[in-house]
């Protein structure tokens, strides 16, 4: 903790914030971006990476997500391109 005496007394760095909490506590302030969709042969599904942003700062980066729940049309395209055609 650090005390700063200006016209008033302020305390800085009094609480530690775990960025993972922000998503649970304030989901209305968070936005998700998705990318890197790829076919996972072991799982038999298309997966991608999720980045959660709050206030312009990335709080979670590179979380693995099932891409079919995010963008079904894009997941189908990746499945056809990498899962079916790429397997030949």
PDB file of N, CA and C in Angstrom:
ATOM      1  N   UNK A   1       0.844  -1.169   0.000  1.00  0.00           N
ATOM      2  CA  UNK A   1       0.000   0.000   0.000  1.00  0.00           C
ATOM      3  C   UNK A   1       0.895   1.240   0.000  1.00  0.00           C
ATOM      4  N   UNK A   2       0.420   2.252  -0.680  1.00  0.00           N
ATOM      5  CA  UNK A   2       1.164   3.504  -0.767  1.00  0.00           C
ATOM      6  C   UNK A   2       0.215   4.658  -0.455  1.00  0.00           C
ATOM      7  N   UNK A   3       0.621   5.537   0.433  1.00  0.00           N
ATOM      8  CA  UNK A   3      -0.182   6.713   0.768  1.00  0.00           C
ATOM      9  C   UNK A   3       0.364   7.923   0.023  1.00  0.00           C
ATOM     10  N   UNK A   4      -0.534   8.662  -0.618  1.00  0.00           N
ATOM     11  CA  UNK A   4      -0.164   9.860  -1.356  1.00  0.00           C
ATOM     12  C   UNK A   4      -0.916  11.025  -0.741  1.00  0.00           C
ATOM     13  N   UNK A   5      -0.164  12.021  -0.310  1.00  0.00           N
ATOM     14  CA  UNK A   5      -0.777  13.181   0.343  1.00  0.00           C
ATOM     15  C   UNK A   5      -0.777  14.358  -0.626  1.00  0.00           C
ATOM     16  N   UNK A   6      -1.937  14.639  -1.191  1.00  0.00           N
ATOM     17  CA  UNK A   6      -2.120  15.813  -2.042  1.00  0.00           C
ATOM     18  C   UNK A   6      -3.023  16.751  -1.258  1.00  0.00           C
ATOM     19  N   UNK A   7      -3.989  17.350  -1.899  1.00  0.00           N
ATOM     20  CA  UNK A   7      -4.951  18.145  -1.132  1.00  0.00           C
ATOM     21  C   UNK A   7      -5.783  17.236  -0.225  1.00  0.00           C
ATOM     22  N   UNK A   8      -5.795  15.937  -0.578  1.00  0.00           N
ATOM     23  CA  UNK A   8      -6.445  14.904   0.245  1.00  0.00           C
ATOM     24  C   UNK A   8      -5.497  13.723   0.354  1.00  0.00           C
ATOM     25  N   UNK A   9      -5.753  12.856   1.305  1.00  0.00           N
ATOM     26  CA  UNK A   9      -4.934  11.666   1.480  1.00  0.00           C
ATOM     27  C   UNK A   9      -5.533  10.519   0.665  1.00  0.00           C
ATOM     28  N   UNK A  10      -4.716   9.914  -0.197  1.00  0.00           N
ATOM     29  CA  UNK A  10      -5.159   8.810  -1.053  1.00  0.00           C
ATOM     30  C   UNK A  10      -4.311   7.574  -0.771  1.00  0.00           C
ATOM     31  N   UNK A  11      -4.930   6.420  -0.884  1.00  0.00           N
ATOM     32  CA  UNK A  11      -4.207   5.156  -0.761  1.00  0.00           C
ATOM     33  C   UNK A  11      -4.193   4.494  -2.133  1.00  0.00           C
ATOM     34  N   UNK A  12      -3.007   4.129  -2.576  1.00  0.00           N
ATOM     35  CA  UNK A  12      -2.870   3.450  -3.863  1.00  0.00           C
ATOM     36  C   UNK A  12      -2.392   2.026  -3.638  1.00  0.00           C
ATOM     37  N   UNK A  13      -2.744   1.165  -4.578  1.00  0.00           N
ATOM     38  CA  UNK A  13      -2.349  -0.244  -4.548  1.00  0.00           C
ATOM     39  C   UNK A  13      -2.769  -0.930  -3.254  1.00  0.00           C
ATOM     40  N   UNK A  14      -4.031  -0.739  -2.883  1.00  0.00           N
ATOM     41  CA  UNK A  14      -4.531  -1.338  -1.642  1.00  0.00           C
ATOM     42  C   UNK A  14      -5.147  -2.714  -1.860  1.00  0.00           C
ATOM     43  N   UNK A  15      -5.472  -3.059  -3.091  1.00  0.00           N
ATOM     44  CA  UNK A  15      -6.074  -4.367  -3.352  1.00  0.00           C
ATOM     45  C   UNK A  15      -5.498  -4.942  -4.635  1.00  0.00           C
ATOM     46  N   UNK A  16      -5.203  -6.204  -4.598  1.00  0.00           N
ATOM     47  CA  UNK A  16      -4.717  -6.890  -5.782  1.00  0.00           C
ATOM     48  C   UNK A  16      -5.920  -7.367  -6.588  1.00  0.00           C
ATOM     49  N   UNK A  17      -5.873  -7.155  -7.897  1.00  0.00           N
ATOM     50  CA  UNK A  17      -6.964  -7.589  -8.772  1.00  0.00           C
ATOM     51  C   UNK A  17      -6.445  -8.687  -9.683  1.00  0.00           C
ATOM     52  N   UNK A  18      -7.093  -9.814  -9.645  1.00  0.00           N
ATOM     53  CA  UNK A  18      -6.782 -10.910 -10.556  1.00  0.00           C
ATOM     54  C   UNK A  18      -7.606 -10.680 -11.820  1.00  0.00           C
ATOM     55  N   UNK A  19      -6.971 -10.523 -12.987  1.00  0.00           N
ATOM     56  CA  UNK A  19      -7.716 -10.244 -14.214  1.00  0.00           C
ATOM     57  C   UNK A  19      -8.804 -11.272 -14.527  1.00  0.00           C
ATOM     58  N   UNK A  20      -8.633 -12.506 -14.093  1.00  0.00           N
ATOM     59  CA  UNK A  20      -9.646 -13.533 -14.351  1.00  0.00           C
ATOM     60  C   UNK A  20     -10.954 -13.228 -13.625  1.00  0.00           C
ATOM     61  N   UNK A  21     -10.905 -12.485 -12.541  1.00  0.00           N
ATOM     62  CA  UNK A  21     -12.122 -12.129 -11.800  1.00  0.00           C
ATOM     63  C   UNK A  21     -13.001 -11.174 -12.599  1.00  0.00           C
ATOM     64  N   UNK A  22     -12.377 -10.306 -13.369  1.00  0.00           N
ATOM     65  CA  UNK A  22     -13.121  -9.260 -14.074  1.00  0.00           C
ATOM     66  C   UNK A  22     -14.198  -9.864 -14.965  1.00  0.00           C
ATOM     67  N   UNK A  23     -13.862 -10.934 -15.654  1.00  0.00           N
ATOM     68  CA  UNK A  23     -14.826 -11.574 -16.555  1.00  0.00           C
ATOM     69  C   UNK A  23     -16.054 -12.070 -15.792  1.00  0.00           C
ATOM     70  N   UNK A  24     -15.876 -12.581 -14.595  1.00  0.00           N
ATOM     71  CA  UNK A  24     -16.997 -13.079 -13.797  1.00  0.00           C
ATOM     72  C   UNK A  24     -17.778 -11.962 -13.122  1.00  0.00           C
ATOM     73  N   UNK A  25     -17.082 -10.942 -12.656  1.00  0.00           N
ATOM     74  CA  UNK A  25     -17.713  -9.864 -11.898  1.00  0.00           C
ATOM     75  C   UNK A  25     -18.376  -8.830 -12.804  1.00  0.00           C
ATOM     76  N   UNK A  26     -17.750  -8.532 -13.934  1.00  0.00           N
ATOM     77  CA  UNK A  26     -18.267  -7.475 -14.818  1.00  0.00           C
ATOM     78  C   UNK A  26     -18.302  -7.925 -16.276  1.00  0.00           C
ATOM     79  N   UNK A  27     -19.084  -8.958 -16.596  1.00  0.00           N
ATOM     80  CA  UNK A  27     -19.112  -9.432 -17.982  1.00  0.00           C
ATOM     81  C   UNK A  27     -19.648  -8.389 -18.964  1.00  0.00           C
ATOM     82  N   UNK A  28     -20.453  -7.455 -18.468  1.00  0.00           N
ATOM     83  CA  UNK A  28     -21.006  -6.415 -19.333  1.00  0.00           C
ATOM     84  C   UNK A  28     -19.934  -5.424 -19.802  1.00  0.00           C
ATOM     85  N   UNK A  29     -18.776  -5.425 -19.176  1.00  0.00           N
ATOM     86  CA  UNK A  29     -17.679  -4.550 -19.576  1.00  0.00           C
ATOM     87  C   UNK A  29     -16.660  -5.254 -20.471  1.00  0.00           C
ATOM     88  N   UNK A  30     -16.839  -6.550 -20.662  1.00  0.00           N
ATOM     89  CA  UNK A  30     -15.875  -7.353 -21.413  1.00  0.00           C
ATOM     90  C   UNK A  30     -16.375  -7.646 -22.825  1.00  0.00           C
ATOM     91  N   UNK A  31     -15.421  -7.709 -23.746  1.00  0.00           N
ATOM     92  CA  UNK A  31     -15.717  -8.103 -25.122  1.00  0.00           C
ATOM     93  C   UNK A  31     -14.757  -9.220 -25.496  1.00  0.00           C
ATOM     94  N   UNK A  32     -15.241 -10.141 -26.315  1.00  0.00           N
ATOM     95  CA  UNK A  32     -14.405 -11.258 -26.746  1.00  0.00           C
ATOM     96  C   UNK A  32     -14.092 -11.136 -28.225  1.00  0.00           C
ATOM     97  N   UNK A  33     -12.861 -11.497 -28.571  1.00  0.00           N
ATOM     98  CA  UNK A  33     -12.433 -11.572 -29.968  1.00  0.00           C
ATOM     99  C   UNK A  33     -11.959 -12.998 -30.209  1.00  0.00           C
ATOM    100  N   UNK A  34     -12.258 -13.496 -31.388  1.00  0.00           N
ATOM    101  CA  UNK A  34     -11.939 -14.883 -31.706  1.00  0.00           C
ATOM    102  C   UNK A  34     -11.097 -14.952 -32.967  1.00  0.00           C
ATOM    103  N   UNK A  35     -10.236 -15.955 -33.030  1.00  0.00           N
ATOM    104  CA  UNK A  35      -9.404 -16.141 -34.206  1.00  0.00           C
ATOM    105  C   UNK A  35      -8.698 -17.483 -34.173  1.00  0.00           C
ATOM    106  N   UNK A  36      -7.818 -17.678 -35.140  1.00  0.00           N
ATOM    107  CA  UNK A  36      -7.003 -18.887 -35.259  1.00  0.00           C
ATOM    108  C   UNK A  36      -7.837 -20.161 -35.284  1.00  0.00           C
ATOM    109  N   UNK A  37      -8.922 -20.152 -36.037  1.00  0.00           N
ATOM    110  CA  UNK A  37      -9.758 -21.354 -36.147  1.00  0.00           C
ATOM    111  C   UNK A  37      -8.979 -22.447 -36.877  1.00  0.00           C
ATOM    112  N   UNK A  38      -9.019 -23.651 -36.336  1.00  0.00           N
ATOM    113  CA  UNK A  38      -8.310 -24.774 -36.943  1.00  0.00           C
ATOM    114  C   UNK A  38      -9.027 -26.084 -36.610  1.00  0.00           C
ATOM    115  N   UNK A  39      -8.829 -27.056 -37.451  1.00  0.00           N
ATOM    116  CA  UNK A  39      -9.416 -28.380 -37.272  1.00  0.00           C
ATOM    117  C   UNK A  39      -8.547 -29.177 -36.312  1.00  0.00           C
ATOM    118  N   UNK A  40      -9.133 -29.721 -35.266  1.00  0.00           N
ATOM    119  CA  UNK A  40      -8.440 -30.580 -34.312  1.00  0.00           C
ATOM    120  C   UNK A  40      -8.886 -32.006 -34.582  1.00  0.00           C
ATOM    121  N   UNK A  41      -8.004 -32.765 -35.203  1.00  0.00           N
ATOM    122  CA  UNK A  41      -8.351 -34.134 -35.608  1.00  0.00           C
ATOM    123  C   UNK A  41      -8.636 -35.027 -34.402  1.00  0.00           C
ATOM    124  N   UNK A  42      -7.901 -34.849 -33.311  1.00  0.00           N
ATOM    125  CA  UNK A  42      -8.109 -35.679 -32.113  1.00  0.00           C
ATOM    126  C   UNK A  42      -9.485 -35.463 -31.501  1.00  0.00           C
ATOM    127  N   UNK A  43      -9.953 -34.215 -31.480  1.00  0.00           N
ATOM    128  CA  UNK A  43     -11.260 -33.894 -30.904  1.00  0.00           C
ATOM    129  C   UNK A  43     -12.384 -34.023 -31.929  1.00  0.00           C
ATOM    130  N   UNK A  44     -12.041 -34.010 -33.206  1.00  0.00           N
ATOM    131  CA  UNK A  44     -13.059 -34.091 -34.248  1.00  0.00           C
ATOM    132  C   UNK A  44     -13.919 -32.839 -34.314  1.00  0.00           C
ATOM    133  N   UNK A  45     -13.293 -31.684 -34.070  1.00  0.00           N
ATOM    134  CA  UNK A  45     -14.040 -30.423 -34.060  1.00  0.00           C
ATOM    135  C   UNK A  45     -13.107 -29.267 -34.412  1.00  0.00           C
ATOM    136  N   UNK A  46     -13.721 -28.134 -34.723  1.00  0.00           N
ATOM    137  CA  UNK A  46     -12.965 -26.919 -35.020  1.00  0.00           C
ATOM    138  C   UNK A  46     -12.822 -26.114 -33.724  1.00  0.00           C
ATOM    139  N   UNK A  47     -11.597 -25.738 -33.414  1.00  0.00           N
ATOM    140  CA  UNK A  47     -11.302 -24.937 -32.230  1.00  0.00           C
ATOM    141  C   UNK A  47     -10.613 -23.650 -32.642  1.00  0.00           C
ATOM    142  N   UNK A  48     -10.696 -22.666 -31.777  1.00  0.00           N
ATOM    143  CA  UNK A  48     -10.039 -21.392 -32.020  1.00  0.00           C
ATOM    144  C   UNK A  48      -9.542 -20.808 -30.713  1.00  0.00           C
ATOM    145  N   UNK A  49      -8.999 -19.609 -30.803  1.00  0.00           N
ATOM    146  CA  UNK A  49      -8.478 -18.906 -29.632  1.00  0.00           C
ATOM    147  C   UNK A  49      -9.373 -17.710 -29.313  1.00  0.00           C
ATOM    148  N   UNK A  50      -9.611 -17.482 -28.034  1.00  0.00           N
ATOM    149  CA  UNK A  50     -10.421 -16.358 -27.578  1.00  0.00           C
ATOM    150  C   UNK A  50      -9.550 -15.398 -26.774  1.00  0.00           C
ATOM    151  N   UNK A  51      -9.747 -14.109 -27.026  1.00  0.00           N
ATOM    152  CA  UNK A  51      -9.121 -13.064 -26.232  1.00  0.00           C
ATOM    153  C   UNK A  51     -10.235 -12.229 -25.625  1.00  0.00           C
ATOM    154  N   UNK A  52     -10.234 -12.084 -24.306  1.00  0.00           N
ATOM    155  CA  UNK A  52     -11.235 -11.278 -23.604  1.00  0.00           C
ATOM    156  C   UNK A  52     -10.596  -9.936 -23.277  1.00  0.00           C
ATOM    157  N   UNK A  53     -11.285  -8.858 -23.673  1.00  0.00           N
ATOM    158  CA  UNK A  53     -10.769  -7.504 -23.508  1.00  0.00           C
ATOM    159  C   UNK A  53     -11.711  -6.709 -22.616  1.00  0.00           C
ATOM    160  N   UNK A  54     -11.138  -5.977 -21.674  1.00  0.00           N
ATOM    161  CA  UNK A  54     -11.922  -5.110 -20.789  1.00  0.00           C
ATOM    162  C   UNK A  54     -11.228  -3.753 -20.722  1.00  0.00           C
ATOM    163  N   UNK A  55     -11.932  -2.730 -21.133  1.00  0.00           N
ATOM    164  CA  UNK A  55     -11.352  -1.393 -21.107  1.00  0.00           C
ATOM    165  C   UNK A  55     -10.152  -1.238 -22.010  1.00  0.00           C
ATOM    166  N   UNK A  56     -10.115  -1.997 -23.102  1.00  0.00           N
ATOM    167  CA  UNK A  56      -8.999  -1.926 -24.030  1.00  0.00           C
ATOM    168  C   UNK A  56      -7.802  -2.774 -23.641  1.00  0.00           C
ATOM    169  N   UNK A  57      -7.865  -3.435 -22.495  1.00  0.00           N
ATOM    170  CA  UNK A  57      -6.758  -4.274 -22.037  1.00  0.00           C
ATOM    171  C   UNK A  57      -7.132  -5.744 -22.125  1.00  0.00           C
ATOM    172  N   UNK A  58      -6.266  -6.566 -22.707  1.00  0.00           N
ATOM    173  CA  UNK A  58      -6.553  -8.003 -22.736  1.00  0.00           C
ATOM    174  C   UNK A  58      -6.397  -8.594 -21.337  1.00  0.00           C
ATOM    175  N   UNK A  59      -7.470  -9.224 -20.849  1.00  0.00           N
ATOM    176  CA  UNK A  59      -7.403  -9.835 -19.516  1.00  0.00           C
ATOM    177  C   UNK A  59      -7.238 -11.347 -19.601  1.00  0.00           C
ATOM    178  N   UNK A  60      -7.701 -11.936 -20.698  1.00  0.00           N
ATOM    179  CA  UNK A  60      -7.501 -13.366 -20.951  1.00  0.00           C
ATOM    180  C   UNK A  60      -7.100 -13.484 -22.412  1.00  0.00           C
ATOM    181  N   UNK A  61      -6.014 -14.172 -22.666  1.00  0.00           N
ATOM    182  CA  UNK A  61      -5.516 -14.264 -24.029  1.00  0.00           C
ATOM    183  C   UNK A  61      -5.211 -15.714 -24.386  1.00  0.00           C
ATOM    184  N   UNK A  62      -5.702 -16.141 -25.531  1.00  0.00           N
ATOM    185  CA  UNK A  62      -5.377 -17.473 -26.024  1.00  0.00           C
ATOM    186  C   UNK A  62      -6.186 -18.612 -25.443  1.00  0.00           C
ATOM    187  N   UNK A  63      -7.355 -18.319 -24.883  1.00  0.00           N
ATOM    188  CA  UNK A  63      -8.191 -19.390 -24.333  1.00  0.00           C
ATOM    189  C   UNK A  63      -8.760 -20.217 -25.486  1.00  0.00           C
ATOM    190  N   UNK A  64      -8.681 -21.532 -25.367  1.00  0.00           N
ATOM    191  CA  UNK A  64      -9.166 -22.447 -26.402  1.00  0.00           C
ATOM    192  C   UNK A  64     -10.682 -22.565 -26.309  1.00  0.00           C
ATOM    193  N   UNK A  65     -11.371 -22.356 -27.453  1.00  0.00           N
ATOM    194  CA  UNK A  65     -12.830 -22.430 -27.480  1.00  0.00           C
ATOM    195  C   UNK A  65     -13.294 -23.279 -28.659  1.00  0.00           C
ATOM    196  N   UNK A  66     -14.441 -23.903 -28.490  1.00  0.00           N
ATOM    197  CA  UNK A  66     -15.091 -24.659 -29.563  1.00  0.00           C
ATOM    198  C   UNK A  66     -15.657 -23.638 -30.548  1.00  0.00           C
ATOM    199  N   UNK A  67     -15.095 -23.590 -31.745  1.00  0.00           N
ATOM    200  CA  UNK A  67     -15.421 -22.524 -32.690  1.00  0.00           C
ATOM    201  C   UNK A  67     -16.827 -22.628 -33.258  1.00  0.00           C
ATOM    202  N   UNK A  68     -17.415 -23.801 -33.241  1.00  0.00           N
ATOM    203  CA  UNK A  68     -18.779 -23.974 -33.735  1.00  0.00           C
ATOM    204  C   UNK A  68     -19.795 -23.193 -32.924  1.00  0.00           C
ATOM    205  N   UNK A  69     -19.505 -22.949 -31.663  1.00  0.00           N
ATOM    206  CA  UNK A  69     -20.405 -22.160 -30.812  1.00  0.00           C
ATOM    207  C   UNK A  69     -20.220 -20.662 -31.022  1.00  0.00           C
ATOM    208  N   UNK A  70     -19.084 -20.282 -31.586  1.00  0.00           N
ATOM    209  CA  UNK A  70     -18.768 -18.872 -31.809  1.00  0.00           C
ATOM    210  C   UNK A  70     -19.257 -18.419 -33.177  1.00  0.00           C
ATOM    211  N   UNK A  71     -18.882 -19.158 -34.203  1.00  0.00           N
ATOM    212  CA  UNK A  71     -19.234 -18.812 -35.583  1.00  0.00           C
ATOM    213  C   UNK A  71     -19.416 -20.112 -36.363  1.00  0.00           C
ATOM    214  N   UNK A  72     -20.636 -20.603 -36.381  1.00  0.00           N
ATOM    215  CA  UNK A  72     -20.925 -21.906 -36.990  1.00  0.00           C
ATOM    216  C   UNK A  72     -20.577 -21.931 -38.475  1.00  0.00           C
ATOM    217  N   UNK A  73     -20.823 -20.843 -39.175  1.00  0.00           N
ATOM    218  CA  UNK A  73     -20.551 -20.791 -40.615  1.00  0.00           C
ATOM    219  C   UNK A  73     -19.043 -20.890 -40.887  1.00  0.00           C
ATOM    220  N   UNK A  74     -18.253 -20.142 -40.142  1.00  0.00           N
ATOM    221  CA  UNK A  74     -16.799 -20.195 -40.308  1.00  0.00           C
ATOM    222  C   UNK A  74     -16.257 -21.557 -39.881  1.00  0.00           C
ATOM    223  N   UNK A  75     -16.808 -22.130 -38.816  1.00  0.00           N
ATOM    224  CA  UNK A  75     -16.365 -23.445 -38.350  1.00  0.00           C
ATOM    225  C   UNK A  75     -16.637 -24.510 -39.409  1.00  0.00           C
ATOM    226  N   UNK A  76     -17.778 -24.404 -40.066  1.00  0.00           N
ATOM    227  CA  UNK A  76     -18.109 -25.356 -41.137  1.00  0.00           C
ATOM    228  C   UNK A  76     -17.118 -25.232 -42.281  1.00  0.00           C
ATOM    229  N   UNK A  77     -16.764 -24.004 -42.630  1.00  0.00           N
ATOM    230  CA  UNK A  77     -15.807 -23.764 -43.705  1.00  0.00           C
ATOM    231  C   UNK A  77     -14.440 -24.365 -43.371  1.00  0.00           C
ATOM    232  N   UNK A  78     -13.977 -24.175 -42.137  1.00  0.00           N
ATOM    233  CA  UNK A  78     -12.699 -24.744 -41.705  1.00  0.00           C
ATOM    234  C   UNK A  78     -12.782 -26.262 -41.707  1.00  0.00           C
ATOM    235  N   UNK A  79     -13.899 -26.808 -41.253  1.00  0.00           N
ATOM    236  CA  UNK A  79     -14.091 -28.261 -41.247  1.00  0.00           C
ATOM    237  C   UNK A  79     -13.986 -28.830 -42.660  1.00  0.00           C
ATOM    238  N   UNK A  80     -14.662 -28.192 -43.609  1.00  0.00           N
ATOM    239  CA  UNK A  80     -14.613 -28.676 -44.987  1.00  0.00           C
ATOM    240  C   UNK A  80     -13.208 -28.561 -45.570  1.00  0.00           C
ATOM    241  N   UNK A  81     -12.560 -27.421 -45.335  1.00  0.00           N
ATOM    242  CA  UNK A  81     -11.243 -27.163 -45.917  1.00  0.00           C
ATOM    243  C   UNK A  81     -10.148 -28.018 -45.277  1.00  0.00           C
ATOM    244  N   UNK A  82     -10.126 -28.094 -43.945  1.00  0.00           N
ATOM    245  CA  UNK A  82      -9.037 -28.791 -43.255  1.00  0.00           C
ATOM    246  C   UNK A  82      -9.394 -30.208 -42.832  1.00  0.00           C
ATOM    247  N   UNK A  83     -10.648 -30.426 -42.476  1.00  0.00           N
ATOM    248  CA  UNK A  83     -11.049 -31.732 -41.970  1.00  0.00           C
ATOM    249  C   UNK A  83     -11.354 -32.742 -43.054  1.00  0.00           C
ATOM    250  N   UNK A  84     -12.015 -32.279 -44.124  1.00  0.00           N
ATOM    251  CA  UNK A  84     -12.407 -33.217 -45.177  1.00  0.00           C
ATOM    252  C   UNK A  84     -11.441 -33.166 -46.355  1.00  0.00           C
ATOM    253  N   UNK A  85     -11.279 -31.995 -46.934  1.00  0.00           N
ATOM    254  CA  UNK A  85     -10.411 -31.871 -48.111  1.00  0.00           C
ATOM    255  C   UNK A  85      -8.948 -32.065 -47.718  1.00  0.00           C
ATOM    256  N   UNK A  86      -8.545 -31.521 -46.575  1.00  0.00           N
ATOM    257  CA  UNK A  86      -7.164 -31.648 -46.119  1.00  0.00           C
ATOM    258  C   UNK A  86      -6.783 -33.069 -45.746  1.00  0.00           C
ATOM    259  N   UNK A  87      -7.749 -33.906 -45.432  1.00  0.00           N
ATOM    260  CA  UNK A  87      -7.479 -35.292 -45.033  1.00  0.00           C
ATOM    261  C   UNK A  87      -7.183 -36.191 -46.228  1.00  0.00           C
ATOM    262  N   UNK A  88      -7.498 -35.711 -47.410  1.00  0.00           N
ATOM    263  CA  UNK A  88      -7.292 -36.548 -48.611  1.00  0.00           C
ATOM    264  C   UNK A  88      -5.877 -36.591 -49.059  1.00  0.00           C
TER     265      UNK A  88
END
